Amino acid sequence: MRVLMVNRAAAPHTGGANRVVVETAALLQSAGHEVAVAFWDATQAEVACKTIRIPGNGDMPDNELLKVANDIK
């Protein structure tokens, strides 16, 4: 399964939701799924999967987010 997780950050030390994203991405990847995390925070990503930095502050229209998702290879 291909999974795109979208969150403010991709580092576990910046909050509870961020930790859930990082840990879930690792678990899904270890189970054989293709995982990517899209984020807009300026912190360094701390995930082993593919990352996509979303420009701006994350206030992206749904159609633009779908373009990001479709471009993941």
C-alpha atoms as a PDB file:
ATOM      1  CA  MET A   1       0.000   0.000   0.000  1.00  0.00           C
ATOM      2  CA  ARG A   2       1.206   3.530  -0.722  1.00  0.00           C
ATOM      3  CA  VAL A   3       0.749   5.900   2.217  1.00  0.00           C
ATOM      4  CA  LEU A   4       1.208   9.668   2.325  1.00  0.00           C
ATOM      5  CA  MET A   5       1.137  11.188   5.775  1.00  0.00           C
ATOM      6  CA  VAL A   6       0.789  14.971   5.998  1.00  0.00           C
ATOM      7  CA  ASN A   7       1.771  16.805   9.160  1.00  0.00           C
ATOM      8  CA  ARG A   8       3.311  20.048  10.354  1.00  0.00           C
ATOM      9  CA  ALA A   9       6.647  18.363  11.126  1.00  0.00           C
ATOM     10  CA  ALA A  10       8.501  15.111  10.496  1.00  0.00           C
ATOM     11  CA  ALA A  11      10.465  15.065  13.742  1.00  0.00           C
ATOM     12  CA  PRO A  12       9.205  13.374  16.917  1.00  0.00           C
ATOM     13  CA  HIS A  13      10.573  15.907  19.405  1.00  0.00           C
ATOM     14  CA  THR A  14       8.221  18.736  18.418  1.00  0.00           C
ATOM     15  CA  GLY A  15       4.963  17.292  19.754  1.00  0.00           C
ATOM     16  CA  GLY A  16       2.676  14.335  20.288  1.00  0.00           C
ATOM     17  CA  ALA A  17       1.055  14.297  16.844  1.00  0.00           C
ATOM     18  CA  ASN A  18       4.485  14.577  15.247  1.00  0.00           C
ATOM     19  CA  ARG A  19       5.715  11.563  17.226  1.00  0.00           C
ATOM     20  CA  VAL A  20       2.691   9.564  16.051  1.00  0.00           C
ATOM     21  CA  VAL A  21       3.473  10.414  12.418  1.00  0.00           C
ATOM     22  CA  VAL A  22       7.149   9.446  12.742  1.00  0.00           C
ATOM     23  CA  GLU A  23       6.435   6.200  14.595  1.00  0.00           C
ATOM     24  CA  THR A  24       3.530   5.219  12.328  1.00  0.00           C
ATOM     25  CA  ALA A  25       5.631   5.884   9.217  1.00  0.00           C
ATOM     26  CA  ALA A  26       8.377   3.620  10.588  1.00  0.00           C
ATOM     27  CA  LEU A  27       5.916   0.841  11.474  1.00  0.00           C
ATOM     28  CA  LEU A  28       4.183   0.971   8.092  1.00  0.00           C
ATOM     29  CA  GLN A  29       7.513   0.969   6.255  1.00  0.00           C
ATOM     30  CA  SER A  30       8.792  -1.992   8.283  1.00  0.00           C
ATOM     31  CA  ALA A  31       5.601  -3.846   7.315  1.00  0.00           C
ATOM     32  CA  GLY A  32       6.492  -3.376   3.642  1.00  0.00           C
ATOM     33  CA  HIS A  33       4.369  -0.370   2.739  1.00  0.00           C
ATOM     34  CA  GLU A  34       5.629   2.520   0.621  1.00  0.00           C
ATOM     35  CA  VAL A  35       5.491   5.547   2.935  1.00  0.00           C
ATOM     36  CA  ALA A  36       6.147   9.259   2.466  1.00  0.00           C
ATOM     37  CA  VAL A  37       5.730  12.150   4.893  1.00  0.00           C
ATOM     38  CA  ALA A  38       4.858  15.625   3.630  1.00  0.00           C
ATOM     39  CA  PHE A  39       5.536  18.479   6.058  1.00  0.00           C
ATOM     40  CA  TRP A  40       6.054  22.246   6.143  1.00  0.00           C
ATOM     41  CA  ASP A  41       7.882  22.894   9.413  1.00  0.00           C
ATOM     42  CA  ALA A  42      11.469  24.187   9.210  1.00  0.00           C
ATOM     43  CA  THR A  43      12.839  21.447  11.491  1.00  0.00           C
ATOM     44  CA  GLN A  44      14.994  18.674  10.056  1.00  0.00           C
ATOM     45  CA  ALA A  45      13.026  15.560   9.084  1.00  0.00           C
ATOM     46  CA  GLU A  46      13.751  12.543  11.280  1.00  0.00           C
ATOM     47  CA  VAL A  47      12.101   9.730   9.372  1.00  0.00           C
ATOM     48  CA  ALA A  48      13.662   6.976   7.273  1.00  0.00           C
ATOM     49  CA  CYS A  49      11.030   7.195   4.535  1.00  0.00           C
ATOM     50  CA  LYS A  50      10.737   9.638   1.653  1.00  0.00           C
ATOM     51  CA  THR A  51       9.963  13.214   2.735  1.00  0.00           C
ATOM     52  CA  ILE A  52       8.390  16.085   0.852  1.00  0.00           C
ATOM     53  CA  ARG A  53       8.710  19.609   2.185  1.00  0.00           C
ATOM     54  CA  ILE A  54       5.527  21.566   1.467  1.00  0.00           C
ATOM     55  CA  PRO A  55       6.248  25.230   0.756  1.00  0.00           C
ATOM     56  CA  GLY A  56       4.789  27.913   2.984  1.00  0.00           C
ATOM     57  CA  ASN A  57       2.974  27.277   6.219  1.00  0.00           C
ATOM     58  CA  GLY A  58       0.969  24.239   5.159  1.00  0.00           C
ATOM     59  CA  ASP A  59      -2.045  26.248   4.053  1.00  0.00           C
ATOM     60  CA  MET A  60      -2.243  24.406   0.746  1.00  0.00           C
ATOM     61  CA  PRO A  61      -5.453  23.890  -1.222  1.00  0.00           C
ATOM     62  CA  ASP A  62      -6.561  20.269  -1.518  1.00  0.00           C
ATOM     63  CA  ASN A  63      -5.932  20.176  -5.267  1.00  0.00           C
ATOM     64  CA  GLU A  64      -2.300  21.237  -4.727  1.00  0.00           C
ATOM     65  CA  LEU A  65      -1.856  18.603  -2.039  1.00  0.00           C
ATOM     66  CA  LEU A  66      -3.229  15.993  -4.442  1.00  0.00           C
ATOM     67  CA  LYS A  67      -0.589  17.058  -6.984  1.00  0.00           C
ATOM     68  CA  VAL A  68       2.107  16.477  -4.338  1.00  0.00           C
ATOM     69  CA  ALA A  69       0.636  13.055  -3.587  1.00  0.00           C
ATOM     70  CA  ASN A  70       0.485  12.098  -7.268  1.00  0.00           C
ATOM     71  CA  ASP A  71       4.106  13.147  -7.835  1.00  0.00           C
ATOM     72  CA  ILE A  72       5.440  10.686  -5.240  1.00  0.00           C
ATOM     73  CA  LYS A  73       7.263   7.892  -6.992  1.00  0.00           C
END
